[in-house]
Protein backbone atom coordinates (compact mmCIF):
# COMPACT_ATOMS: atom_id res chain seq x y z
CA MET A 1 79.71 130.65 58.28
CA ASP A 2 78.72 133.61 56.12
CA LEU A 3 75.55 135.68 56.45
CA ALA A 4 73.87 134.10 53.46
CA THR A 5 74.35 130.66 54.92
CA PHE A 6 73.06 131.65 58.28
CA GLU A 7 69.91 133.28 56.69
CA ARG A 8 69.37 130.02 54.90
CA LEU A 9 69.41 128.14 58.22
CA LEU A 10 66.49 130.33 59.36
CA THR A 11 64.36 129.24 56.44
CA ASP A 12 61.97 126.27 56.67
CA GLU A 13 64.51 124.11 54.83
CA GLY A 14 67.38 125.12 57.11
CA ARG A 15 65.40 124.55 60.40
CA ALA A 16 64.11 121.20 59.14
CA LEU A 17 67.69 120.22 58.30
CA VAL A 18 69.02 121.23 61.73
CA ALA A 19 66.15 119.19 63.27
CA GLU A 20 67.01 116.09 61.15
CA VAL A 21 70.63 116.24 62.11
CA HIS A 22 69.73 116.48 65.79
CA ALA A 23 67.27 113.58 65.52
CA ARG A 24 69.73 111.25 63.62
CA ALA A 25 72.85 112.12 65.59
CA GLY A 26 74.02 108.94 67.26
CA VAL A 27 71.69 106.85 65.13
CA GLU A 28 73.73 107.25 61.92
CA SER A 29 77.39 107.73 61.82
CA ASP A 30 78.55 111.32 61.19
CA LEU A 31 79.97 110.18 57.82
CA ALA A 32 76.83 108.37 56.70
CA LEU A 33 74.53 111.14 57.89
CA GLY A 34 76.60 113.86 56.20
CA THR A 35 76.87 111.79 52.91
CA ARG A 36 73.11 111.21 52.78
CA LEU A 37 72.13 114.80 53.55
CA ARG A 38 74.57 116.19 50.96
CA ARG A 39 72.72 114.26 48.21
CA GLU A 40 69.50 116.22 49.11
CA HIS A 41 70.83 119.58 50.25
CA ASP A 42 73.58 122.14 49.53
CA PRO A 43 76.85 120.91 51.18
CA ALA A 44 77.46 124.30 52.79
CA LEU A 45 74.05 124.24 54.34
CA VAL A 46 74.52 120.70 55.65
CA ALA A 47 77.90 121.70 57.14
CA ALA A 48 76.26 124.65 58.90
CA ALA A 49 73.39 122.39 60.33
CA VAL A 50 75.89 119.87 61.53
CA THR A 51 77.91 122.61 63.18
CA GLN A 52 74.88 124.17 64.82
CA ASN A 53 73.86 120.80 66.32
CA HIS A 54 77.36 120.30 67.72
CA LEU A 55 77.45 123.84 69.10
CA ARG A 56 73.98 123.53 70.67
CA SER A 57 75.13 120.47 72.58
CA LYS A 58 78.24 122.19 73.75
CA ALA A 59 76.29 125.31 74.64
CA VAL A 60 74.04 123.56 77.28
CA ALA A 61 76.79 124.07 79.80
CA LYS A 62 76.54 127.89 79.39
CA PHE A 63 72.83 128.38 78.34
CA GLY A 64 70.96 125.47 79.85
CA PRO A 65 67.87 124.23 78.12
CA ASP A 66 67.66 127.42 75.99
CA ALA A 67 70.71 126.14 73.96
CA ALA A 68 68.45 123.88 72.05
CA ASP A 69 66.73 126.86 70.32
CA LEU A 70 69.63 129.26 69.96
CA TRP A 71 72.25 129.83 67.25
CA PHE A 72 76.00 129.99 67.63
CA THR A 73 79.47 130.39 66.24
CA HIS A 74 82.47 128.65 67.72
CA ASP A 75 84.39 131.80 68.74
CA ALA A 76 81.20 133.56 69.98
CA LEU A 77 80.21 130.61 72.23
CA GLU A 78 83.74 130.42 73.75
CA GLN A 79 83.37 134.06 74.93
CA SER A 80 79.70 133.89 75.81
CA THR A 81 78.77 134.53 79.45
CA ARG A 82 77.33 131.64 81.44
CA HIS A 83 73.61 132.30 81.83
CA THR A 84 73.81 132.13 85.69
CA VAL A 85 76.44 134.93 85.63
CA ALA A 86 74.58 137.01 82.99
CA THR A 87 71.42 136.67 84.96
CA ALA A 88 73.03 137.78 88.20
CA ARG A 89 74.51 140.83 86.46
CA ALA A 90 71.08 141.61 84.91
CA GLU A 91 69.25 141.41 88.16
CA ARG A 92 71.76 143.78 89.76
CA LEU A 93 71.25 146.31 86.98
CA LEU A 94 67.50 145.86 87.43
CA ASP A 95 67.94 146.54 91.25
CA HIS A 96 69.77 149.76 90.36
CA GLY A 97 66.67 150.95 88.61
CA VAL A 98 68.32 151.03 85.20
CA PRO A 99 65.61 151.10 82.45
CA GLY A 100 67.72 150.28 79.41
CA VAL A 101 71.04 148.75 78.48
CA LEU A 102 73.21 149.39 75.42
CA ASP A 103 75.26 146.25 74.77
CA LEU A 104 78.24 147.38 72.68
CA GLY A 105 79.67 144.34 70.94
CA CYS A 106 76.65 142.19 71.75
CA SER A 107 78.07 139.28 69.62
CA ILE A 108 75.41 136.50 69.42
CA GLY A 109 73.39 138.08 72.17
CA GLY A 110 74.13 135.97 75.18
CA ASP A 111 73.99 138.90 77.61
CA LEU A 112 71.14 140.59 75.76
CA LEU A 113 68.98 137.47 76.48
CA ALA A 114 69.57 137.69 80.26
CA LEU A 115 69.08 141.50 80.30
CA ALA A 116 65.81 141.21 78.30
CA ARG A 117 64.57 138.32 80.30
CA VAL A 118 64.60 140.25 83.65
CA GLY A 119 62.58 143.04 82.00
CA LEU A 120 65.24 145.61 80.84
CA ARG A 121 65.01 147.30 77.51
CA VAL A 122 67.97 146.23 75.44
CA ARG A 123 69.76 147.59 72.44
CA GLY A 124 72.74 145.61 70.95
CA VAL A 125 75.30 146.81 68.56
CA GLU A 126 77.62 144.47 66.83
CA GLN A 127 80.27 145.13 64.10
CA ASP A 128 80.10 141.59 62.58
CA PRO A 129 76.88 141.32 60.51
CA VAL A 130 76.77 137.56 61.02
CA ARG A 131 76.85 137.81 64.81
CA ALA A 132 74.39 140.65 64.71
CA ALA A 133 71.96 138.50 62.76
CA ILE A 134 72.42 135.68 65.14
CA ALA A 135 71.73 137.99 68.13
CA ARG A 136 68.43 139.05 66.47
CA ALA A 137 67.54 135.48 65.78
CA ASN A 138 68.34 134.37 69.43
CA LEU A 139 66.11 137.17 70.83
CA ALA A 140 63.33 136.05 68.53
CA ALA A 141 63.95 132.36 69.38
CA LEU A 142 63.16 133.07 73.10
CA GLY A 143 60.36 135.55 72.37
CA LEU A 144 62.28 138.45 73.83
CA ASP A 145 62.14 142.07 72.75
CA GLY A 146 65.28 143.92 71.73
CA GLU A 147 66.97 145.88 69.02
CA VAL A 148 70.22 144.83 67.31
CA SER A 149 72.11 146.93 64.76
CA THR A 150 75.49 146.67 62.93
CA ALA A 151 77.74 149.68 63.41
CA ASP A 152 81.17 150.74 64.53
CA LEU A 153 81.21 150.59 68.34
CA ALA A 154 83.25 153.81 68.71
CA GLU A 155 80.57 155.79 66.94
CA VAL A 156 77.56 154.72 69.08
CA GLU A 157 76.48 156.85 71.86
CA ALA A 158 74.24 155.72 74.81
CA ARG A 159 70.91 157.34 75.31
CA ALA A 160 70.30 159.31 78.50
CA ASP A 161 68.48 156.42 80.12
CA GLU A 162 70.88 153.65 79.04
CA VAL A 163 73.79 151.99 80.84
CA VAL A 164 76.58 150.74 78.54
CA PHE A 165 77.58 147.10 78.70
CA LEU A 166 80.78 146.11 77.10
CA ASP A 167 82.53 142.75 76.78
CA PRO A 168 85.80 143.35 74.93
CA ALA A 169 86.85 140.47 72.70
CA ARG A 170 89.66 138.51 74.28
CA ARG A 171 90.55 136.44 71.19
CA SER A 172 92.64 137.24 68.19
CA GLY A 173 93.62 135.35 65.11
CA THR A 174 96.30 133.57 67.08
CA GLY A 175 94.20 132.58 70.10
CA ARG A 176 93.15 133.87 73.47
CA VAL A 177 94.42 137.34 74.53
CA PHE A 178 95.73 138.00 78.06
CA ASP A 179 96.87 141.65 77.68
CA VAL A 180 94.22 144.29 78.05
CA GLU A 181 95.90 146.43 75.31
CA ALA A 182 95.30 143.63 72.88
CA MET A 183 91.54 143.43 73.32
CA GLU A 184 89.02 144.70 70.97
CA PRO A 185 87.78 147.43 71.40
CA PRO A 186 91.02 148.92 72.85
CA TRP A 187 91.34 149.38 76.60
CA THR A 188 91.35 153.14 76.24
CA LEU A 189 87.79 153.08 74.67
CA VAL A 190 86.72 150.71 77.57
CA THR A 191 88.03 152.98 80.31
CA ALA A 192 86.48 155.97 78.57
CA ARG A 193 83.09 154.30 78.70
CA LEU A 194 83.64 153.61 82.40
CA GLU A 195 83.69 157.42 82.92
CA GLU A 196 80.07 157.21 82.01
CA ARG A 197 77.36 154.83 83.31
CA ALA A 198 78.92 151.48 82.27
CA VAL A 199 79.54 147.90 83.13
CA VAL A 200 82.53 146.08 81.66
CA LYS A 201 83.03 142.31 81.59
CA THR A 202 86.68 141.42 81.30
CA MET A 203 89.14 138.46 82.01
CA PRO A 204 89.39 137.33 85.64
CA GLY A 205 93.24 137.62 85.46
CA ILE A 206 93.17 141.39 84.88
CA GLU A 207 95.83 143.11 86.98
CA HIS A 208 94.73 145.59 89.54
CA ARG A 209 96.92 148.30 88.01
CA HIS A 210 94.62 148.35 85.02
CA LEU A 211 91.56 149.23 86.97
CA PRO A 212 90.42 152.85 86.58
CA ASP A 213 90.03 154.89 89.78
CA GLY A 214 86.59 154.78 91.46
CA VAL A 215 85.26 151.65 89.75
CA GLU A 216 84.06 148.67 91.58
CA ALA A 217 85.92 145.51 90.48
CA GLN A 218 83.92 142.37 90.95
CA TRP A 219 85.32 138.91 90.54
CA VAL A 220 82.77 136.17 89.86
CA SER A 221 83.10 132.41 90.27
CA ASP A 222 80.39 130.00 89.24
CA GLY A 223 80.24 126.49 90.68
CA GLY A 224 83.87 126.90 91.93
CA ASP A 225 85.16 128.21 88.49
CA LEU A 226 86.50 131.67 88.34
CA VAL A 227 84.93 132.99 85.17
CA GLU A 228 85.18 136.77 84.89
CA ALA A 229 85.93 140.11 86.36
CA CYS A 230 83.19 142.82 86.05
CA LEU A 231 83.90 146.46 86.37
CA TRP A 232 81.10 148.91 87.54
CA SER A 233 81.39 152.58 86.81
CA PRO A 234 81.65 154.88 89.92
CA ASP A 235 77.93 155.80 89.87
CA LEU A 236 76.96 152.17 89.81
CA ALA A 237 79.64 151.02 92.37
CA THR A 238 78.77 150.23 95.94
CA THR A 239 82.31 149.16 97.11
CA SER A 240 85.85 149.04 95.73
CA ARG A 241 86.24 145.28 95.56
CA ARG A 242 83.78 142.41 95.58
CA ALA A 243 83.86 138.69 95.21
CA THR A 244 80.80 136.92 94.16
CA LEU A 245 80.31 133.17 94.34
CA LEU A 246 77.42 131.59 92.39
CA PRO A 247 75.01 129.96 92.79
CA GLY A 248 73.80 131.66 95.83
CA PRO A 249 75.08 134.22 95.69
CA LEU A 250 77.76 134.45 98.42
CA GLU A 251 79.49 137.76 98.41
CA LEU A 252 82.50 139.45 100.20
CA THR A 253 83.38 143.13 99.84
CA GLY A 254 86.25 145.17 101.15
CA ASP A 255 89.11 147.55 100.29
CA GLY A 256 91.93 145.03 100.04
CA SER A 257 93.32 145.50 103.54
CA PRO A 258 95.88 142.79 104.36
CA ALA A 259 95.54 140.03 106.88
CA GLU A 260 97.80 139.44 109.84
CA VAL A 261 100.18 136.51 109.82
CA GLY A 262 100.15 133.98 112.59
CA PRO A 263 100.98 130.37 113.62
CA LEU A 264 99.28 127.25 112.28
CA GLY A 265 95.96 126.53 113.92
CA THR A 266 93.86 123.42 113.77
CA TRP A 267 92.31 124.38 110.36
CA LEU A 268 93.57 125.52 106.96
CA HIS A 269 91.29 127.56 104.69
CA GLU A 270 91.61 127.83 100.95
CA PRO A 271 89.78 130.93 99.73
CA ASP A 272 87.71 130.79 96.57
CA ASP A 273 89.65 132.10 93.67
CA ALA A 274 87.20 135.04 93.42
CA VAL A 275 88.30 136.05 96.89
CA THR A 276 91.90 135.78 96.13
CA ARG A 277 91.69 137.62 92.81
CA ALA A 278 89.76 140.43 94.42
CA GLY A 279 92.44 140.93 96.99
CA LEU A 280 89.96 140.21 99.81
CA VAL A 281 91.79 137.47 101.64
CA GLY A 282 92.26 140.07 104.50
CA ALA A 283 88.53 140.59 104.61
CA LEU A 284 87.85 136.88 104.70
CA ALA A 285 90.48 136.47 107.56
CA GLN A 286 88.55 139.02 109.51
CA ARG A 287 85.22 137.23 108.82
CA LEU A 288 86.63 133.85 109.86
CA ASP A 289 88.73 135.18 112.75
CA ALA A 290 91.66 133.71 110.96
CA ARG A 291 95.24 134.71 110.03
CA LEU A 292 97.58 134.11 107.10
CA LEU A 293 99.93 131.12 107.19
CA ASP A 294 102.45 133.10 105.29
CA PRO A 295 102.28 136.72 103.92
CA HIS A 296 102.86 135.45 100.40
CA LEU A 297 100.25 132.64 100.35
CA ALA A 298 96.43 132.91 100.08
CA TYR A 299 96.13 130.29 102.83
CA LEU A 300 94.31 131.11 106.05
CA THR A 301 94.54 129.28 109.37
CA SER A 302 92.36 129.37 112.48
CA ASP A 303 90.98 127.05 115.23
CA GLY A 304 87.57 126.68 113.54
CA PRO A 305 86.23 125.65 110.11
CA SER A 306 84.67 128.04 107.54
CA THR A 307 80.92 127.51 107.20
CA ASP A 308 79.86 130.16 104.70
CA GLY A 309 81.31 128.67 101.45
CA LEU A 310 83.82 131.47 100.71
CA ALA A 311 86.68 129.09 101.46
CA ARG A 312 87.23 125.39 101.59
CA SER A 313 88.31 124.25 105.00
CA PHE A 314 90.75 121.39 105.93
CA ARG A 315 91.30 120.14 109.41
CA VAL A 316 95.05 119.84 110.11
CA VAL A 317 95.55 116.11 111.12
CA GLU A 318 99.35 116.45 111.59
CA GLU A 319 102.52 117.78 110.07
CA LEU A 320 104.47 115.32 107.88
CA PRO A 321 108.07 115.43 106.69
CA TYR A 322 108.51 117.50 103.53
CA ARG A 323 111.40 115.69 101.94
CA GLU A 324 110.11 113.13 99.44
CA LYS A 325 111.64 109.97 100.86
CA GLN A 326 110.56 110.66 104.40
CA LEU A 327 107.09 111.88 103.12
CA ARG A 328 106.61 108.58 101.27
CA ALA A 329 107.56 106.50 104.37
CA ALA A 330 105.09 108.53 106.49
CA LEU A 331 102.22 107.88 103.97
CA VAL A 332 103.03 104.27 103.56
CA ALA A 333 102.90 103.92 107.37
CA ARG A 334 99.41 105.32 107.23
CA ASP A 335 98.34 102.94 104.51
CA VAL A 336 97.71 105.67 101.94
CA GLY A 337 97.05 104.63 98.38
CA THR A 338 95.14 107.53 96.82
CA LEU A 339 96.68 110.94 97.39
CA THR A 340 95.61 114.38 96.52
CA ILE A 341 98.28 117.08 96.76
CA LYS A 342 97.56 120.69 97.12
CA LYS A 343 100.39 123.21 96.94
CA ARG A 344 101.08 126.80 97.49
CA GLY A 345 104.43 128.62 96.96
CA VAL A 346 106.53 125.52 96.21
CA ASP A 347 107.99 124.31 92.95
CA VAL A 348 106.34 120.90 92.81
CA SER A 349 104.21 119.18 90.22
CA PRO A 350 101.57 117.31 92.24
CA GLU A 351 100.91 114.87 89.48
CA ARG A 352 104.54 113.92 89.11
CA LEU A 353 105.12 113.74 92.82
CA VAL A 354 102.19 111.30 93.26
CA ARG A 355 103.56 109.05 90.60
CA ARG A 356 106.99 109.10 92.19
CA LEU A 357 105.64 108.25 95.67
CA ARG A 358 104.21 104.92 94.24
CA LEU A 359 101.64 104.49 97.05
CA ASP A 360 99.48 101.40 97.01
CA GLY A 361 97.69 101.45 100.36
CA SER A 362 93.90 101.23 101.01
CA ARG A 363 93.22 104.78 102.35
CA THR A 364 92.80 108.18 100.70
CA ALA A 365 94.58 111.34 101.87
CA VAL A 366 95.03 115.04 101.19
CA VAL A 367 98.44 116.65 101.68
CA VAL A 368 99.09 120.36 101.61
CA LEU A 369 102.59 121.49 100.57
CA ALA A 370 103.23 125.08 101.35
CA ARG A 371 106.08 127.55 101.67
CA VAL A 372 105.93 128.97 105.16
CA GLY A 373 108.47 131.60 106.07
CA SER A 374 111.86 130.49 104.78
CA GLY A 375 111.05 126.77 104.42
CA ALA A 376 108.59 124.34 102.96
CA ARG A 377 106.22 122.23 105.10
CA ALA A 378 103.78 119.30 104.56
CA PHE A 379 100.38 118.90 106.29
CA LEU A 380 98.12 115.92 106.25
CA VAL A 381 94.57 117.34 106.27
CA GLU A 382 90.97 116.22 106.08
CA PRO A 383 88.32 118.31 104.21
CA ALA A 384 85.68 119.68 106.39
CA GLY A 385 82.66 117.38 106.27
CA GLY A 386 84.77 114.68 104.56
């Protein structure tokens, strides 16, 4: 979508067209609706209206009810922060006493909305004029104050009372980017900003070796999904590593100290991915009075369940044979028909193994396959509370 087409969407004609597409979706077929509307409107405007209706429906998962009034592009929606996560970050900045935020690369304004909504003064800068126009329209759609301009990010300086927020683009013309050096803006610019007062959203799989000294690295999961890592510059940091679980929030902090390894207890604990990525399994072990089952696995074991939500707990019912034939015989003897397999450190495809086992019993079961020491073991477990 080009700028001229988006500006036409904001006119009375464009808004009415979007509303009609939404009202008739599911009543008329896409083909019939598109054919009819193109007789009365410019085909490019019809296509843009149909796209916006589709994107608004998809955006509900990230933006909630606000999605019905907002504007999107495909790529920008893919990288947009979930409103729950953006709001938690905005509230933390507010708690820091930050008066204003400069969002460098604000895209369509997803984070600007959360920042402005908690009462922060926001200034967005975006290199793409279409996304900048969408960001302005989205602030206006929700009745929020904010300034959005188009400029080269490298040339924009923060004001004395502003914290920089930066969300480097993790998509290129060939798809998603997993290398920090391939992000835009470049990682060198990102780390330079972190020498100032800055907050950086980045991919949850970022390697710890890429983290600048002195920053707080926060991994965030939302509803069980690990969604991002967030880096806080030294003067905003309150710890070195943090795992945050939303909603809640539940939080765990620490310095990455390892956990001790010990024998299997009556419970297994599977840490939330945010805890594992943050390198805080050792801190969680101390919190749960637990130990690692193996030094190379993020599985903890203890004689009691976890009750605080930072890990899923499974009661160990018994150990089963690991070899496939004997494992099947043991599960058949227990009348298992529906099986969930969880694995750690073993080269097994759970889906393929379940198909090969050909179970047809009446009971459900969970089996954990894990490399422990020099061998692999299988444990029949029951989820806590299940």
